[in-house]
C-alpha cells in the first residue's frame, strides 16, 4: 500500500487566526466591504452554526425548520471575478474576521496546485482525497458537543478551475474527470459529517467550473473591477495623506476608469494599490514630494491589466 502523502506536499502553508498580521491585510482591502461582510457571515454560519441558532432564539424563539434549510447548504463558497479584483487576498485573510466574529480559532489550509499530480493513473484522485482527509480529521477534532464549534478549518482552492473544470468538456482527460469526482466527494463528505469545515474556491473562469461544483456552492460572490465610487474611495484613502485631493483626485479617478475610444475597462484594485500608488511614490522618491500633476500623468500612461475573458467552457 502506498504511504500517505505528507501534509506539506498537499498544502502551501498553514495560516492560523485570529492574527494581527492577517487582520491588517484584511483592513487594507478597501472597497470590498460588501464582499467582506457577506463572506464572513456565510463562513460563520458554515463553521459555527451555534451563532445562527442563538440569533434565531433571540429574535424568533426557534424556527428550527428555517434554520435547517440554511444550515443544510454544502460548506462551499465560490469567489469569482476578474484578475486583480481581490479574491485571493480576501480568501486568505477573511478567516481573521470570522475567528473574531465567532470567538473561535480557525486554520486556513491553502491547497497546493501540486495536487493536480503529473498525470499518472489515479494520482490526482489520491492527492485530492488525502487533502480532504487531512481537513476532515482536523475539523472533526474541533466539533463541539452541540452546535458550538471549538474551532474550524477552511480549505482554500485558488485557481479552482484548474482542479474542478467542467466534466462536460469533451477534451477533458480521464484523470481530470476522476479528480473532479474526488473533489465533489470531498465536499459532500464534509457536508454530511456536519463538522466545522468550509471550502473557499477562487476562480477567474466561473463558467469553466463543473456544474455539480457550482450547484453545491452555498454562495457565489462576484468580484468586479472598481467603479468610479470605489476608485475614488481607494485613491482618497491612499493618496490623501500625500496631499492629493480635490481636482487632482478627480482627475485620477477619471484616468483610471474606462476611456472612450481607447479601452472599455478601467484599473483593477491591484492596479491601483500595487502598481499606480507605488509608481507615484517612486516617481517622487527620494528627493521630492509627490506632485499631483505628475501623479495624473503617470495614471494616464499606465496600462491597466487586461480583463480575463470568461468564455463559456467548451
Protein backbone atom coordinates (compact mmCIF):
# COMPACT_ATOMS: atom_id res chain seq x y z
CA UNK A 1 0.00 0.00 0.00
CA UNK A 2 1.30 3.47 -0.87
CA UNK A 3 2.39 5.70 2.01
CA UNK A 4 0.13 8.60 2.80
CA UNK A 5 1.15 11.85 1.07
CA UNK A 6 2.69 14.24 3.63
CA UNK A 7 0.65 17.26 4.70
CA UNK A 8 3.27 19.73 3.45
CA UNK A 9 3.08 18.27 -0.06
CA UNK A 10 -0.64 19.00 -0.28
CA UNK A 11 -0.94 22.45 1.29
CA UNK A 12 1.16 25.51 0.62
CA UNK A 13 1.25 26.53 4.27
CA UNK A 14 -0.95 26.79 7.35
CA UNK A 15 -2.42 30.13 8.49
CA UNK A 16 -3.93 30.45 11.96
CA UNK A 17 -6.47 33.08 13.01
CA UNK A 18 -7.02 35.37 14.79
CA UNK A 19 -3.76 37.01 13.79
CA UNK A 20 -2.87 40.70 13.82
CA UNK A 21 -0.93 40.49 10.54
CA UNK A 22 -3.90 38.94 8.73
CA UNK A 23 -6.21 41.48 10.34
CA UNK A 24 -4.07 44.30 8.93
CA UNK A 25 -4.02 42.69 5.47
CA UNK A 26 -7.80 42.42 5.54
CA UNK A 27 -8.16 46.05 6.58
CA UNK A 28 -6.06 47.13 3.59
CA UNK A 29 -8.63 45.60 1.23
CA UNK A 30 -10.55 48.83 0.80
CA UNK A 31 -13.57 48.98 -1.48
CA UNK A 32 -14.68 45.41 -0.76
CA UNK A 33 -16.82 45.97 2.31
CA UNK A 34 -19.86 44.17 0.86
CA UNK A 35 -17.86 41.06 -0.02
CA UNK A 36 -16.09 41.10 3.36
CA UNK A 37 -19.36 41.30 5.27
CA UNK A 38 -21.18 38.65 3.26
CA UNK A 39 -18.29 36.18 3.21
CA UNK A 40 -17.64 36.46 6.94
CA UNK A 41 -21.35 35.82 7.66
CA UNK A 42 -21.56 32.83 5.31
CA UNK A 43 -18.42 31.22 6.70
CA UNK A 44 -19.54 31.92 10.25
CA UNK A 45 -22.77 30.01 9.65
CA UNK A 46 -20.97 27.13 7.92
CA UNK A 47 -18.32 26.55 10.58
CA UNK A 48 -20.21 27.57 13.71
CA UNK A 49 -24.00 27.06 13.39
CA UNK A 50 -24.44 27.90 17.09
CA UNK A 51 -24.28 31.56 16.14
CA UNK A 52 -27.32 31.26 13.88
CA UNK A 53 -29.23 29.27 16.49
CA UNK A 54 -28.52 31.93 19.11
CA UNK A 55 -29.75 34.63 16.70
CA UNK A 56 -32.96 32.70 15.94
CA UNK A 57 -33.68 32.02 19.61
CA UNK A 58 -33.12 35.68 20.44
CA UNK A 59 -35.42 37.05 17.76
CA UNK A 60 -37.87 34.26 16.94
CA UNK A 61 -37.77 31.70 19.72
CA UNK A 62 -36.66 28.89 17.46
CA UNK A 63 -37.74 28.46 13.81
CA UNK A 64 -35.80 25.22 13.56
CA UNK A 65 -37.15 24.24 10.13
CA UNK A 66 -35.97 27.55 8.71
CA UNK A 67 -32.57 27.14 10.34
CA UNK A 68 -32.20 23.65 8.90
CA UNK A 69 -32.80 24.99 5.40
CA UNK A 70 -29.95 27.46 5.88
CA UNK A 71 -27.57 25.05 7.56
CA UNK A 72 -28.08 22.17 5.11
CA UNK A 73 -26.12 24.01 2.43
CA UNK A 74 -22.78 22.41 1.49
CA UNK A 75 -19.77 24.09 3.10
CA UNK A 76 -18.54 25.69 -0.13
CA UNK A 77 -18.23 29.32 -1.24
CA UNK A 78 -17.02 30.39 -4.69
CA UNK A 79 -15.29 33.73 -5.24
CA UNK A 80 -15.44 34.55 -8.95
CA UNK A 81 -14.30 37.52 -10.95
CA UNK A 82 -11.66 39.34 -12.91
CA UNK A 83 -7.93 39.24 -12.22
CA UNK A 84 -6.70 41.69 -9.60
CA UNK A 85 -10.12 42.07 -8.02
CA UNK A 86 -9.07 40.97 -4.52
CA UNK A 87 -10.49 37.42 -4.47
CA UNK A 88 -7.39 35.59 -3.26
CA UNK A 89 -6.33 38.28 -0.79
CA UNK A 90 -9.81 38.25 0.75
CA UNK A 91 -9.88 34.45 0.86
CA UNK A 92 -6.52 34.38 2.65
CA UNK A 93 -7.46 36.97 5.28
CA UNK A 94 -11.21 36.64 5.91
CA UNK A 95 -10.55 33.87 8.42
CA UNK A 96 -9.38 36.51 10.88
CA UNK A 97 -12.73 38.30 10.73
CA UNK A 98 -14.62 35.01 11.12
CA UNK A 99 -12.44 33.95 14.06
CA UNK A 100 -13.10 37.21 15.89
CA UNK A 101 -16.79 37.22 14.93
CA UNK A 102 -17.39 33.67 16.19
CA UNK A 103 -14.89 33.68 19.06
CA UNK A 104 -13.03 30.58 17.84
CA UNK A 105 -9.63 29.72 16.39
CA UNK A 106 -9.57 29.00 12.66
CA UNK A 107 -6.93 27.34 10.49
CA UNK A 108 -6.65 28.07 6.76
CA UNK A 109 -5.26 25.30 4.56
CA UNK A 110 -4.41 26.64 1.05
CA UNK A 111 -4.42 23.68 -1.33
CA UNK A 112 -1.30 23.36 -3.46
CA UNK A 113 -1.63 23.09 -7.23
CA UNK A 114 0.69 20.10 -6.88
CA UNK A 115 -2.46 18.15 -6.03
CA UNK A 116 -3.13 18.04 -9.76
CA UNK A 117 -0.36 15.49 -9.92
CA UNK A 118 1.64 14.61 -13.02
CA UNK A 119 -0.97 12.67 -14.95
CA UNK A 120 -0.27 9.22 -13.52
CA UNK A 121 -3.30 6.97 -13.24
CA UNK A 122 -5.18 7.64 -10.01
CA UNK A 123 -2.67 10.21 -8.79
CA UNK A 124 -4.88 13.32 -8.79
CA UNK A 125 -7.74 11.43 -7.17
CA UNK A 126 -5.46 10.10 -4.46
CA UNK A 127 -3.90 13.51 -3.73
CA UNK A 128 -7.23 15.32 -3.52
CA UNK A 129 -8.78 12.60 -1.39
CA UNK A 130 -5.85 12.76 1.02
CA UNK A 131 -6.10 16.56 1.24
CA UNK A 132 -9.76 16.28 2.19
CA UNK A 133 -8.84 13.54 4.69
CA UNK A 134 -6.50 15.95 6.47
CA UNK A 135 -9.14 18.70 6.54
CA UNK A 136 -11.78 16.23 7.73
CA UNK A 137 -9.60 14.87 10.54
CA UNK A 138 -8.55 18.31 11.73
CA UNK A 139 -12.12 19.66 11.72
CA UNK A 140 -13.53 16.54 13.40
CA UNK A 141 -11.39 17.23 16.46
CA UNK A 142 -12.92 20.72 16.70
CA UNK A 143 -16.57 19.73 16.65
CA UNK A 144 -18.27 20.66 19.92
CA UNK A 145 -20.85 18.67 21.85
CA UNK A 146 -23.66 20.82 20.43
CA UNK A 147 -23.82 23.36 17.63
CA UNK A 148 -20.98 25.37 19.16
CA UNK A 149 -17.63 24.68 17.48
CA UNK A 150 -14.33 24.69 19.35
CA UNK A 151 -12.50 25.83 16.22
CA UNK A 152 -12.73 25.45 12.46
CA UNK A 153 -10.86 24.63 9.28
CA UNK A 154 -11.11 26.45 5.96
CA UNK A 155 -9.61 24.90 2.85
CA UNK A 156 -8.66 27.39 0.13
CA UNK A 157 -8.59 26.33 -3.52
CA UNK A 158 -7.09 29.09 -5.65
CA UNK A 159 -7.27 28.90 -9.46
CA UNK A 160 -10.10 26.46 -8.82
CA UNK A 161 -10.85 25.88 -12.49
CA UNK A 162 -7.52 24.05 -12.72
CA UNK A 163 -8.81 21.42 -10.29
CA UNK A 164 -12.57 21.37 -10.83
CA UNK A 165 -13.10 22.11 -14.50
CA UNK A 166 -16.30 21.03 -16.14
CA UNK A 167 -16.62 17.32 -16.96
CA UNK A 168 -18.85 18.36 -19.88
CA UNK A 169 -15.70 19.30 -21.80
CA UNK A 170 -15.23 16.60 -24.43
CA UNK A 171 -11.46 17.22 -24.46
CA UNK A 172 -11.09 16.57 -20.74
CA UNK A 173 -8.61 13.88 -19.74
CA UNK A 174 -9.84 10.88 -17.76
CA UNK A 175 -7.59 11.75 -14.80
CA UNK A 176 -9.07 15.25 -14.62
CA UNK A 177 -12.59 13.82 -14.61
CA UNK A 178 -11.65 11.46 -11.80
CA UNK A 179 -10.12 14.37 -9.89
CA UNK A 180 -13.33 16.40 -10.15
CA UNK A 181 -15.27 13.39 -8.84
CA UNK A 182 -12.87 13.19 -5.89
CA UNK A 183 -13.30 16.89 -5.21
CA UNK A 184 -17.09 16.61 -5.17
CA UNK A 185 -16.92 13.58 -2.86
CA UNK A 186 -14.71 15.59 -0.53
CA UNK A 187 -17.20 18.47 -0.35
CA UNK A 188 -20.08 16.05 0.26
CA UNK A 189 -18.14 14.25 2.97
CA UNK A 190 -17.57 17.49 4.88
CA UNK A 191 -21.24 18.41 4.47
CA UNK A 192 -22.59 15.07 5.63
CA UNK A 193 -20.32 14.97 8.68
CA UNK A 194 -21.54 18.39 9.87
CA UNK A 195 -18.09 19.31 11.11
CA UNK A 196 -16.66 22.87 11.39
CA UNK A 197 -15.05 22.96 7.96
CA UNK A 198 -15.59 25.02 4.82
CA UNK A 199 -14.02 25.35 1.39
CA UNK A 200 -13.37 28.59 -0.48
CA UNK A 201 -12.76 28.37 -4.22
CA UNK A 202 -11.34 31.30 -6.21
CA UNK A 203 -11.61 31.43 -9.99
CA UNK A 204 -11.33 33.82 -12.91
CA UNK A 205 -13.43 31.43 -15.00
CA UNK A 206 -16.70 30.65 -13.27
CA UNK A 207 -18.13 29.10 -16.43
CA UNK A 208 -15.26 26.60 -16.51
CA UNK A 209 -16.17 25.09 -13.12
CA UNK A 210 -18.04 21.82 -13.21
CA UNK A 211 -21.83 22.41 -12.88
CA UNK A 212 -22.02 19.97 -9.96
CA UNK A 213 -19.44 22.03 -8.09
CA UNK A 214 -21.28 25.28 -8.77
CA UNK A 215 -24.58 23.74 -7.62
CA UNK A 216 -23.01 22.84 -4.29
CA UNK A 217 -21.88 26.38 -3.53
CA UNK A 218 -23.65 27.96 -0.58
CA UNK A 219 -22.97 31.23 -2.36
CA UNK A 220 -21.08 32.63 -5.33
CA UNK A 221 -19.59 36.06 -4.65
CA UNK A 222 -18.79 38.11 -7.74
CA UNK A 223 -15.81 40.45 -7.88
CA UNK A 224 -15.68 43.22 -10.47
CA UNK A 225 -13.28 46.00 -11.29
CA UNK A 226 -13.84 49.04 -9.06
CA UNK A 227 -16.43 51.51 -10.29
CA UNK A 228 -15.95 55.26 -10.08
CA UNK A 229 -17.08 55.47 -6.46
CA UNK A 230 -14.82 52.62 -5.40
CA UNK A 231 -11.81 54.05 -7.25
CA UNK A 232 -12.39 57.39 -5.57
CA UNK A 233 -12.56 55.69 -2.17
CA UNK A 234 -9.36 53.70 -2.73
CA UNK A 235 -7.37 56.60 -4.16
CA UNK A 236 -8.57 59.03 -1.47
CA UNK A 237 -7.69 56.52 1.25
CA UNK A 238 -4.16 56.02 -0.08
CA UNK A 239 -3.25 59.40 -1.57
CA UNK A 240 -4.97 61.98 0.63
CA UNK A 241 -2.14 61.69 3.21
CA UNK A 242 0.26 62.63 0.38
CA UNK A 243 -1.65 65.80 -0.39
CA UNK A 244 -3.59 64.60 -3.44
CA UNK A 245 -7.22 65.69 -3.18
CA UNK A 246 -9.85 67.80 -4.89
CA UNK A 247 -9.47 68.27 -8.65
CA UNK A 248 -6.30 66.16 -8.81
CA UNK A 249 -8.03 63.25 -7.15
CA UNK A 250 -10.97 63.51 -9.55
CA UNK A 251 -8.55 63.52 -12.49
CA UNK A 252 -7.01 60.31 -11.16
CA UNK A 253 -10.44 58.75 -10.76
CA UNK A 254 -11.20 59.54 -14.38
CA UNK A 255 -7.81 58.42 -15.68
CA UNK A 256 -8.14 55.02 -14.02
CA UNK A 257 -11.56 54.21 -15.46
CA UNK A 258 -12.68 53.16 -18.93
CA UNK A 259 -11.70 55.68 -21.61
CA UNK A 260 -13.94 56.16 -24.61
CA UNK A 261 -12.15 55.28 -27.84
CA UNK A 262 -9.16 53.80 -26.01
CA UNK A 263 -10.32 51.00 -23.72
CA UNK A 264 -13.60 49.73 -22.34
CA UNK A 265 -12.20 48.75 -18.94
CA UNK A 266 -10.55 50.51 -16.03
CA UNK A 267 -7.92 49.65 -13.44
CA UNK A 268 -8.27 46.65 -11.16
CA UNK A 269 -7.96 47.00 -7.39
CA UNK A 270 -4.43 45.59 -7.60
CA UNK A 271 -3.58 48.01 -10.43
CA UNK A 272 -4.47 50.86 -8.09
CA UNK A 273 -2.81 49.59 -4.93
CA UNK A 274 0.16 47.62 -6.23
CA UNK A 275 1.08 49.50 -9.41
CA UNK A 276 -0.27 53.05 -9.56
CA UNK A 277 0.27 54.24 -5.99
CA UNK A 278 3.80 52.75 -5.72
CA UNK A 279 4.68 54.30 -9.11
CA UNK A 280 3.52 57.73 -7.92
CA UNK A 281 5.63 57.44 -4.78
CA UNK A 282 8.72 56.11 -6.57
CA UNK A 283 8.49 58.93 -9.10
CA UNK A 284 8.98 61.45 -6.28
CA UNK A 285 11.39 59.43 -4.12
CA UNK A 286 13.98 60.20 -2.79
CA UNK A 287 14.34 63.95 -3.29
CA UNK A 288 10.89 65.41 -4.00
CA UNK A 289 7.40 65.43 -2.54
CA UNK A 290 4.60 63.80 -4.50
CA UNK A 291 3.35 66.07 -7.27
CA UNK A 292 -0.36 65.92 -8.13
CA UNK A 293 0.14 66.74 -11.80
CA UNK A 294 2.81 64.08 -12.19
CA UNK A 295 0.52 61.57 -10.45
CA UNK A 296 -2.19 62.18 -13.03
CA UNK A 297 0.33 61.90 -15.88
CA UNK A 298 1.53 58.56 -14.53
CA UNK A 299 -2.04 57.26 -14.33
CA UNK A 300 -2.80 58.34 -17.89
CA UNK A 301 0.13 56.46 -19.41
CA UNK A 302 -0.17 53.35 -17.26
CA UNK A 303 -1.95 50.46 -18.98
CA UNK A 304 -4.35 48.54 -16.71
CA UNK A 305 -4.33 44.77 -16.59
CA UNK A 306 -6.44 43.43 -19.47
CA UNK A 307 -9.65 41.65 -18.43
CA UNK A 308 -9.70 37.87 -18.22
CA UNK A 309 -12.25 36.72 -20.75
CA UNK A 310 -14.50 34.15 -19.08
CA UNK A 311 -15.68 32.44 -22.24
CA UNK A 312 -18.12 29.58 -21.83
CA UNK A 313 -16.41 26.25 -21.28
CA UNK A 314 -16.38 24.05 -24.34
